[in-house]
Amino acid sequence: MLCSSTRLFIRRNLFLPLLTSPHSDLATRWSYSVHFPSIRSGNSASATSNSKQLRSSISAVRSEHTMASASKPASIHDFTVKDARGNDVDLSIYKGKVLLIVNVASQCGLTNSNYTELAQLYQKYKDQGLEILAFPCNQFGGQEPGTNEQIVEFACTRFKAEYPIFDKVDVNGDSAAPIYKFLKSSKGGFLGDGIKWNFAKFLVDKEGKVVDRYAPTTSPLSIEKDVKKLL
């Protein structure tokens, strides 16, 4: 005969994980006999009541599990963001594309080198399926103070940026854009998940999965080999 601690272990480790499975009839019937002895003893009225209670509990657990799975983004393609004009952009339009996602700033010491190399990288690989998504951010030293219109004009006029520049966002803290919360949770950085400065970079594959993350000081051209592997 199994001791009480062994029975508890079996219920927790064998039965409970099956509750959320669509094929858990066996687990359900076994649980009836374990948790409701009246089913075994022939007390049909009590057994029926207990069975209904258990079925209701199982249904609730399954429902919560399904809702949690459905609401959690699985890839970058599950997000909608705002462009620089405030229009919604469904990122599923980038399915089949390799993405380099960067938080940009116009008045940073890294601005010139990064914008220059981002333009070079984009020109070289845009026809092969590379897209660069730039998200202005003013959280680091207040180095992106301009309006969206000013930011786009600066990047396009001075650095010939042809890739999309989106609405200004926060990348850290409670107000961080959902896409950045997803990026950080998918690929942590050195000394924590938070974005350290302007021009942090995330490389995303054609299925929308984050495959690598680069420090702000990592130059765009130095990750060219990683981009080529995904194209």
C-alpha atoms as a PDB file:
ATOM      1  CA  MET A   1       0.000   0.000   0.000  1.00  0.00           C
ATOM      2  CA  LEU A   2       1.261   3.489  -0.848  1.00  0.00           C
ATOM      3  CA  CYS A   3       1.911   5.867   1.989  1.00  0.00           C
ATOM      4  CA  SER A   4       0.078   9.212   2.036  1.00  0.00           C
ATOM      5  CA  SER A   5       3.141  11.199   0.907  1.00  0.00           C
ATOM      6  CA  THR A   6       3.594   8.896  -2.102  1.00  0.00           C
ATOM      7  CA  ARG A   7      -0.068   9.273  -3.096  1.00  0.00           C
ATOM      8  CA  LEU A   8       0.281  13.050  -2.834  1.00  0.00           C
ATOM      9  CA  PHE A   9       3.391  12.972  -5.039  1.00  0.00           C
ATOM     10  CA  ILE A  10       1.560  10.941  -7.677  1.00  0.00           C
ATOM     11  CA  ARG A  11      -1.414  13.315  -7.696  1.00  0.00           C
ATOM     12  CA  ARG A  12       0.803  16.383  -8.005  1.00  0.00           C
ATOM     13  CA  ASN A  13       3.284  15.083 -10.555  1.00  0.00           C
ATOM     14  CA  LEU A  14       1.210  12.704 -12.665  1.00  0.00           C
ATOM     15  CA  PHE A  15      -2.414  13.804 -12.501  1.00  0.00           C
ATOM     16  CA  LEU A  16      -2.250  17.606 -12.330  1.00  0.00           C
ATOM     17  CA  PRO A  17      -0.130  18.111 -15.491  1.00  0.00           C
ATOM     18  CA  LEU A  18      -2.802  16.151 -17.386  1.00  0.00           C
ATOM     19  CA  LEU A  19      -5.593  18.511 -16.422  1.00  0.00           C
ATOM     20  CA  THR A  20      -4.773  20.887 -19.262  1.00  0.00           C
ATOM     21  CA  SER A  21      -4.427  18.112 -21.832  1.00  0.00           C
ATOM     22  CA  PRO A  22      -7.292  17.509 -24.270  1.00  0.00           C
ATOM     23  CA  HIS A  23      -6.665  13.775 -23.829  1.00  0.00           C
ATOM     24  CA  SER A  24      -7.060  13.522 -20.071  1.00  0.00           C
ATOM     25  CA  ASP A  25     -10.132  11.282 -19.746  1.00  0.00           C
ATOM     26  CA  LEU A  26      -8.079   8.582 -18.077  1.00  0.00           C
ATOM     27  CA  ALA A  27      -6.665  11.053 -15.584  1.00  0.00           C
ATOM     28  CA  THR A  28     -10.158  12.348 -14.881  1.00  0.00           C
ATOM     29  CA  ARG A  29     -11.608   8.891 -14.184  1.00  0.00           C
ATOM     30  CA  TRP A  30      -8.618   7.976 -11.992  1.00  0.00           C
ATOM     31  CA  SER A  31      -9.012  11.196 -10.055  1.00  0.00           C
ATOM     32  CA  TYR A  32     -12.669  10.483  -9.386  1.00  0.00           C
ATOM     33  CA  SER A  33     -11.746   7.276  -7.593  1.00  0.00           C
ATOM     34  CA  VAL A  34      -8.852   8.878  -5.672  1.00  0.00           C
ATOM     35  CA  HIS A  35     -10.589  12.044  -4.523  1.00  0.00           C
ATOM     36  CA  PHE A  36     -14.179  10.834  -4.255  1.00  0.00           C
ATOM     37  CA  PRO A  37     -14.410   7.361  -2.651  1.00  0.00           C
ATOM     38  CA  SER A  38     -18.209   7.525  -2.916  1.00  0.00           C
ATOM     39  CA  ILE A  39     -17.816   6.747  -6.608  1.00  0.00           C
ATOM     40  CA  ARG A  40     -16.244   3.406  -5.672  1.00  0.00           C
ATOM     41  CA  SER A  41     -18.618   2.665  -2.836  1.00  0.00           C
ATOM     42  CA  GLY A  42     -21.770   2.937  -4.918  1.00  0.00           C
ATOM     43  CA  ASN A  43     -23.215   6.123  -3.390  1.00  0.00           C
ATOM     44  CA  SER A  44     -24.511   7.330  -6.760  1.00  0.00           C
ATOM     45  CA  ALA A  45     -26.051  10.631  -5.608  1.00  0.00           C
ATOM     46  CA  SER A  46     -22.875  11.739  -3.877  1.00  0.00           C
ATOM     47  CA  ALA A  47     -20.765  10.417  -6.715  1.00  0.00           C
ATOM     48  CA  THR A  48     -22.752  12.396  -9.287  1.00  0.00           C
ATOM     49  CA  SER A  49     -22.380  15.601  -7.269  1.00  0.00           C
ATOM     50  CA  ASN A  50     -18.672  15.076  -6.765  1.00  0.00           C
ATOM     51  CA  SER A  51     -18.162  14.228 -10.417  1.00  0.00           C
ATOM     52  CA  LYS A  52     -19.863  17.439 -11.503  1.00  0.00           C
ATOM     53  CA  GLN A  53     -17.670  19.458  -9.135  1.00  0.00           C
ATOM     54  CA  LEU A  54     -14.492  17.873 -10.451  1.00  0.00           C
ATOM     55  CA  ARG A  55     -15.546  18.316 -14.078  1.00  0.00           C
ATOM     56  CA  SER A  56     -16.211  21.984 -13.374  1.00  0.00           C
ATOM     57  CA  SER A  57     -12.787  22.414 -11.752  1.00  0.00           C
ATOM     58  CA  ILE A  58     -11.029  20.686 -14.630  1.00  0.00           C
ATOM     59  CA  SER A  59     -12.884  22.844 -17.146  1.00  0.00           C
ATOM     60  CA  ALA A  60     -11.810  26.012 -15.304  1.00  0.00           C
ATOM     61  CA  VAL A  61      -8.158  24.944 -15.211  1.00  0.00           C
ATOM     62  CA  ARG A  62      -8.184  24.094 -18.903  1.00  0.00           C
ATOM     63  CA  SER A  63      -9.823  27.413 -19.748  1.00  0.00           C
ATOM     64  CA  GLU A  64      -7.245  29.425 -17.772  1.00  0.00           C
ATOM     65  CA  HIS A  65      -4.409  27.485 -19.392  1.00  0.00           C
ATOM     66  CA  THR A  66      -5.807  28.086 -22.890  1.00  0.00           C
ATOM     67  CA  MET A  67      -6.348  31.815 -22.275  1.00  0.00           C
ATOM     68  CA  ALA A  68      -2.835  32.263 -20.887  1.00  0.00           C
ATOM     69  CA  SER A  69      -1.301  30.475 -23.874  1.00  0.00           C
ATOM     70  CA  ALA A  70      -3.368  32.481 -26.350  1.00  0.00           C
ATOM     71  CA  SER A  71      -2.573  35.872 -24.819  1.00  0.00           C
ATOM     72  CA  LYS A  72       1.194  35.423 -24.626  1.00  0.00           C
ATOM     73  CA  PRO A  73       2.992  36.689 -27.764  1.00  0.00           C
ATOM     74  CA  ALA A  74       4.969  33.963 -29.474  1.00  0.00           C
ATOM     75  CA  SER A  75       6.963  36.152 -31.855  1.00  0.00           C
ATOM     76  CA  ILE A  76       7.591  39.682 -33.044  1.00  0.00           C
ATOM     77  CA  HIS A  77       4.884  39.115 -35.639  1.00  0.00           C
ATOM     78  CA  ASP A  78       2.239  39.145 -32.899  1.00  0.00           C
ATOM     79  CA  PHE A  79       2.768  42.855 -32.167  1.00  0.00           C
ATOM     80  CA  THR A  80       1.240  46.029 -33.569  1.00  0.00           C
ATOM     81  CA  VAL A  81       3.232  49.256 -33.207  1.00  0.00           C
ATOM     82  CA  LYS A  82       2.830  52.882 -34.248  1.00  0.00           C
ATOM     83  CA  ASP A  83       4.759  54.421 -37.109  1.00  0.00           C
ATOM     84  CA  ALA A  84       6.153  57.956 -36.944  1.00  0.00           C
ATOM     85  CA  ARG A  85       2.798  59.361 -38.113  1.00  0.00           C
ATOM     86  CA  GLY A  86       0.830  57.498 -35.461  1.00  0.00           C
ATOM     87  CA  ASN A  87      -0.577  54.825 -37.755  1.00  0.00           C
ATOM     88  CA  ASP A  88      -0.809  51.193 -36.634  1.00  0.00           C
ATOM     89  CA  VAL A  89       1.682  48.797 -38.174  1.00  0.00           C
ATOM     90  CA  ASP A  90       1.024  45.072 -37.826  1.00  0.00           C
ATOM     91  CA  LEU A  91       4.473  43.494 -37.640  1.00  0.00           C
ATOM     92  CA  SER A  92       3.158  40.306 -39.235  1.00  0.00           C
ATOM     93  CA  ILE A  93       3.869  42.109 -42.534  1.00  0.00           C
ATOM     94  CA  TYR A  94       7.520  41.251 -41.858  1.00  0.00           C
ATOM     95  CA  LYS A  95       6.994  37.488 -41.868  1.00  0.00           C
ATOM     96  CA  GLY A  96       9.745  35.938 -43.954  1.00  0.00           C
ATOM     97  CA  LYS A  97      12.078  38.886 -43.309  1.00  0.00           C
ATOM     98  CA  VAL A  98      15.178  39.079 -41.125  1.00  0.00           C
ATOM     99  CA  LEU A  99      14.832  42.032 -38.747  1.00  0.00           C
ATOM    100  CA  LEU A 100      17.367  44.200 -36.974  1.00  0.00           C
ATOM    101  CA  ILE A 101      15.561  46.216 -34.291  1.00  0.00           C
ATOM    102  CA  VAL A 102      17.368  49.251 -32.881  1.00  0.00           C
ATOM    103  CA  ASN A 103      16.547  51.995 -30.369  1.00  0.00           C
ATOM    104  CA  VAL A 104      17.937  55.141 -31.979  1.00  0.00           C
ATOM    105  CA  ALA A 105      18.819  58.686 -30.856  1.00  0.00           C
ATOM    106  CA  SER A 106      19.865  61.804 -32.760  1.00  0.00           C
ATOM    107  CA  GLN A 107      22.217  63.448 -30.248  1.00  0.00           C
ATOM    108  CA  CYS A 108      24.289  60.512 -29.002  1.00  0.00           C
ATOM    109  CA  GLY A 109      28.010  59.942 -29.388  1.00  0.00           C
ATOM    110  CA  LEU A 110      27.097  56.712 -31.184  1.00  0.00           C
ATOM    111  CA  THR A 111      24.685  58.385 -33.612  1.00  0.00           C
ATOM    112  CA  ASN A 112      26.973  59.048 -36.574  1.00  0.00           C
ATOM    113  CA  SER A 113      28.667  55.657 -36.710  1.00  0.00           C
ATOM    114  CA  ASN A 114      25.493  53.661 -36.132  1.00  0.00           C
ATOM    115  CA  TYR A 115      23.247  55.538 -38.537  1.00  0.00           C
ATOM    116  CA  THR A 116      25.978  55.426 -41.204  1.00  0.00           C
ATOM    117  CA  GLU A 117      26.542  51.688 -40.871  1.00  0.00           C
ATOM    118  CA  LEU A 118      22.837  50.882 -40.559  1.00  0.00           C
ATOM    119  CA  ALA A 119      22.286  52.598 -43.919  1.00  0.00           C
ATOM    120  CA  GLN A 120      25.173  50.641 -45.470  1.00  0.00           C
ATOM    121  CA  LEU A 121      23.905  47.337 -44.098  1.00  0.00           C
ATOM    122  CA  TYR A 122      20.385  48.030 -45.314  1.00  0.00           C
ATOM    123  CA  GLN A 123      21.494  49.002 -48.815  1.00  0.00           C
ATOM    124  CA  LYS A 124      23.522  45.818 -49.100  1.00  0.00           C
ATOM    125  CA  TYR A 125      20.903  43.332 -47.894  1.00  0.00           C
ATOM    126  CA  LYS A 126      17.443  44.893 -48.286  1.00  0.00           C
ATOM    127  CA  ASP A 127      16.847  43.032 -51.555  1.00  0.00           C
ATOM    128  CA  GLN A 128      17.788  39.761 -49.844  1.00  0.00           C
ATOM    129  CA  GLY A 129      15.193  40.141 -47.099  1.00  0.00           C
ATOM    130  CA  LEU A 130      16.711  42.380 -44.397  1.00  0.00           C
ATOM    131  CA  GLU A 131      14.566  45.013 -42.707  1.00  0.00           C
ATOM    132  CA  ILE A 132      15.768  47.462 -40.075  1.00  0.00           C
ATOM    133  CA  LEU A 133      13.182  48.744 -37.607  1.00  0.00           C
ATOM    134  CA  ALA A 134      14.259  51.916 -35.798  1.00  0.00           C
ATOM    135  CA  PHE A 135      12.535  52.986 -32.575  1.00  0.00           C
ATOM    136  CA  PRO A 136      13.520  56.461 -31.304  1.00  0.00           C
ATOM    137  CA  CYS A 137      13.920  56.639 -27.526  1.00  0.00           C
ATOM    138  CA  ASN A 138      14.635  59.582 -25.225  1.00  0.00           C
ATOM    139  CA  GLN A 139      15.376  57.613 -22.047  1.00  0.00           C
ATOM    140  CA  PHE A 140      19.166  57.847 -22.230  1.00  0.00           C
ATOM    141  CA  GLY A 141      20.512  61.283 -21.436  1.00  0.00           C
ATOM    142  CA  GLY A 142      17.557  62.957 -23.154  1.00  0.00           C
ATOM    143  CA  GLN A 143      19.372  62.478 -26.460  1.00  0.00           C
ATOM    144  CA  GLU A 144      16.261  62.090 -28.620  1.00  0.00           C
ATOM    145  CA  PRO A 145      14.216  65.188 -27.670  1.00  0.00           C
ATOM    146  CA  GLY A 146      12.734  65.982 -31.081  1.00  0.00           C
ATOM    147  CA  THR A 147       9.309  65.244 -32.495  1.00  0.00           C
ATOM    148  CA  ASN A 148       8.758  62.219 -34.703  1.00  0.00           C
ATOM    149  CA  GLU A 149       8.795  64.472 -37.742  1.00  0.00           C
ATOM    150  CA  GLN A 150      12.137  65.999 -36.750  1.00  0.00           C
ATOM    151  CA  ILE A 151      13.636  62.577 -36.041  1.00  0.00           C
ATOM    152  CA  VAL A 152      12.588  61.168 -39.427  1.00  0.00           C
ATOM    153  CA  GLU A 153      13.870  64.245 -41.252  1.00  0.00           C
ATOM    154  CA  PHE A 154      17.222  64.016 -39.436  1.00  0.00           C
ATOM    155  CA  ALA A 155      17.728  60.321 -40.202  1.00  0.00           C
ATOM    156  CA  CYS A 156      16.537  60.473 -43.797  1.00  0.00           C
ATOM    157  CA  THR A 157      18.242  63.713 -44.779  1.00  0.00           C
ATOM    158  CA  ARG A 158      21.576  63.322 -43.027  1.00  0.00           C
ATOM    159  CA  PHE A 159      22.016  59.545 -43.171  1.00  0.00           C
ATOM    160  CA  LYS A 160      19.775  58.552 -46.105  1.00  0.00           C
ATOM    161  CA  ALA A 161      17.816  56.146 -43.929  1.00  0.00           C
ATOM    162  CA  GLU A 162      15.353  54.236 -46.119  1.00  0.00           C
ATOM    163  CA  TYR A 163      14.197  51.767 -43.478  1.00  0.00           C
ATOM    164  CA  PRO A 164      11.124  52.496 -41.332  1.00  0.00           C
ATOM    165  CA  ILE A 165      11.408  54.763 -38.294  1.00  0.00           C
ATOM    166  CA  PHE A 166       8.619  54.254 -35.799  1.00  0.00           C
ATOM    167  CA  ASP A 167       6.949  56.241 -33.039  1.00  0.00           C
ATOM    168  CA  LYS A 168       9.139  57.300 -30.133  1.00  0.00           C
ATOM    169  CA  VAL A 169       8.935  54.757 -27.296  1.00  0.00           C
ATOM    170  CA  ASP A 170      10.290  53.900 -23.872  1.00  0.00           C
ATOM    171  CA  VAL A 171      12.386  50.752 -23.798  1.00  0.00           C
ATOM    172  CA  ASN A 172      12.837  50.378 -20.022  1.00  0.00           C
ATOM    173  CA  GLY A 173      10.588  50.615 -16.970  1.00  0.00           C
ATOM    174  CA  ASP A 174       6.860  50.142 -16.514  1.00  0.00           C
ATOM    175  CA  SER A 175       6.127  52.331 -19.522  1.00  0.00           C
ATOM    176  CA  ALA A 176       8.310  50.286 -21.879  1.00  0.00           C
ATOM    177  CA  ALA A 177       6.660  49.435 -25.180  1.00  0.00           C
ATOM    178  CA  PRO A 178       5.281  45.861 -25.239  1.00  0.00           C
ATOM    179  CA  ILE A 179       7.573  44.946 -28.104  1.00  0.00           C
ATOM    180  CA  TYR A 180      10.601  45.895 -26.014  1.00  0.00           C
ATOM    181  CA  LYS A 181       9.377  43.933 -23.031  1.00  0.00           C
ATOM    182  CA  PHE A 182       9.165  40.945 -25.358  1.00  0.00           C
ATOM    183  CA  LEU A 183      12.607  41.551 -26.854  1.00  0.00           C
ATOM    184  CA  LYS A 184      14.250  41.835 -23.442  1.00  0.00           C
ATOM    185  CA  SER A 185      12.511  38.772 -22.047  1.00  0.00           C
ATOM    186  CA  SER A 186      13.502  36.780 -25.129  1.00  0.00           C
ATOM    187  CA  LYS A 187      17.174  37.712 -24.972  1.00  0.00           C
ATOM    188  CA  GLY A 188      18.690  39.024 -21.742  1.00  0.00           C
ATOM    189  CA  GLY A 189      21.717  41.272 -21.760  1.00  0.00           C
ATOM    190  CA  PHE A 190      24.920  41.545 -19.787  1.00  0.00           C
ATOM    191  CA  LEU A 191      24.205  42.501 -16.166  1.00  0.00           C
ATOM    192  CA  GLY A 192      20.432  42.221 -16.585  1.00  0.00           C
ATOM    193  CA  ASP A 193      17.713  42.489 -19.207  1.00  0.00           C
ATOM    194  CA  GLY A 194      17.422  46.283 -19.315  1.00  0.00           C
ATOM    195  CA  ILE A 195      18.532  48.248 -22.363  1.00  0.00           C
ATOM    196  CA  LYS A 196      21.805  49.941 -21.408  1.00  0.00           C
ATOM    197  CA  TRP A 197      21.934  52.863 -23.865  1.00  0.00           C
ATOM    198  CA  ASN A 198      21.009  54.093 -27.321  1.00  0.00           C
ATOM    199  CA  PHE A 199      21.556  51.745 -30.280  1.00  0.00           C
ATOM    200  CA  ALA A 200      21.087  48.390 -28.571  1.00  0.00           C
ATOM    201  CA  LYS A 201      20.308  45.858 -31.296  1.00  0.00           C
ATOM    202  CA  PHE A 202      18.145  42.741 -31.560  1.00  0.00           C
ATOM    203  CA  LEU A 203      18.415  40.312 -34.457  1.00  0.00           C
ATOM    204  CA  VAL A 204      15.178  38.502 -35.349  1.00  0.00           C
ATOM    205  CA  ASP A 205      14.810  35.575 -37.743  1.00  0.00           C
ATOM    206  CA  LYS A 206      12.223  35.052 -40.489  1.00  0.00           C
ATOM    207  CA  GLU A 207       9.834  33.374 -38.045  1.00  0.00           C
ATOM    208  CA  GLY A 208       9.881  36.371 -35.704  1.00  0.00           C
ATOM    209  CA  LYS A 209      12.088  34.749 -33.045  1.00  0.00           C
ATOM    210  CA  VAL A 210      14.808  36.778 -31.308  1.00  0.00           C
ATOM    211  CA  VAL A 211      18.103  35.025 -32.030  1.00  0.00           C
ATOM    212  CA  ASP A 212      20.694  37.510 -30.767  1.00  0.00           C
ATOM    213  CA  ARG A 213      21.235  40.758 -28.924  1.00  0.00           C
ATOM    214  CA  TYR A 214      24.081  43.263 -29.266  1.00  0.00           C
ATOM    215  CA  ALA A 215      25.397  46.025 -27.035  1.00  0.00           C
ATOM    216  CA  PRO A 216      25.051  49.681 -28.066  1.00  0.00           C
ATOM    217  CA  THR A 217      28.780  49.816 -28.813  1.00  0.00           C
ATOM    218  CA  THR A 218      28.569  46.882 -31.252  1.00  0.00           C
ATOM    219  CA  SER A 219      28.762  48.346 -34.746  1.00  0.00           C
ATOM    220  CA  PRO A 220      26.111  47.282 -37.274  1.00  0.00           C
ATOM    221  CA  LEU A 221      28.688  46.113 -39.820  1.00  0.00           C
ATOM    222  CA  SER A 222      30.331  43.837 -37.271  1.00  0.00           C
ATOM    223  CA  ILE A 223      27.153  41.721 -37.127  1.00  0.00           C
ATOM    224  CA  GLU A 224      26.887  41.400 -40.903  1.00  0.00           C
ATOM    225  CA  LYS A 225      27.955  37.736 -40.751  1.00  0.00           C
ATOM    226  CA  ASP A 226      25.103  36.963 -38.341  1.00  0.00           C
ATOM    227  CA  VAL A 227      22.614  38.680 -40.614  1.00  0.00           C
ATOM    228  CA  LYS A 228      23.822  36.710 -43.652  1.00  0.00           C
ATOM    229  CA  LYS A 229      23.300  33.395 -41.845  1.00  0.00           C
ATOM    230  CA  LEU A 230      19.596  34.157 -41.411  1.00  0.00           C
ATOM    231  CA  LEU A 231      18.847  35.488 -44.898  1.00  0.00           C
END
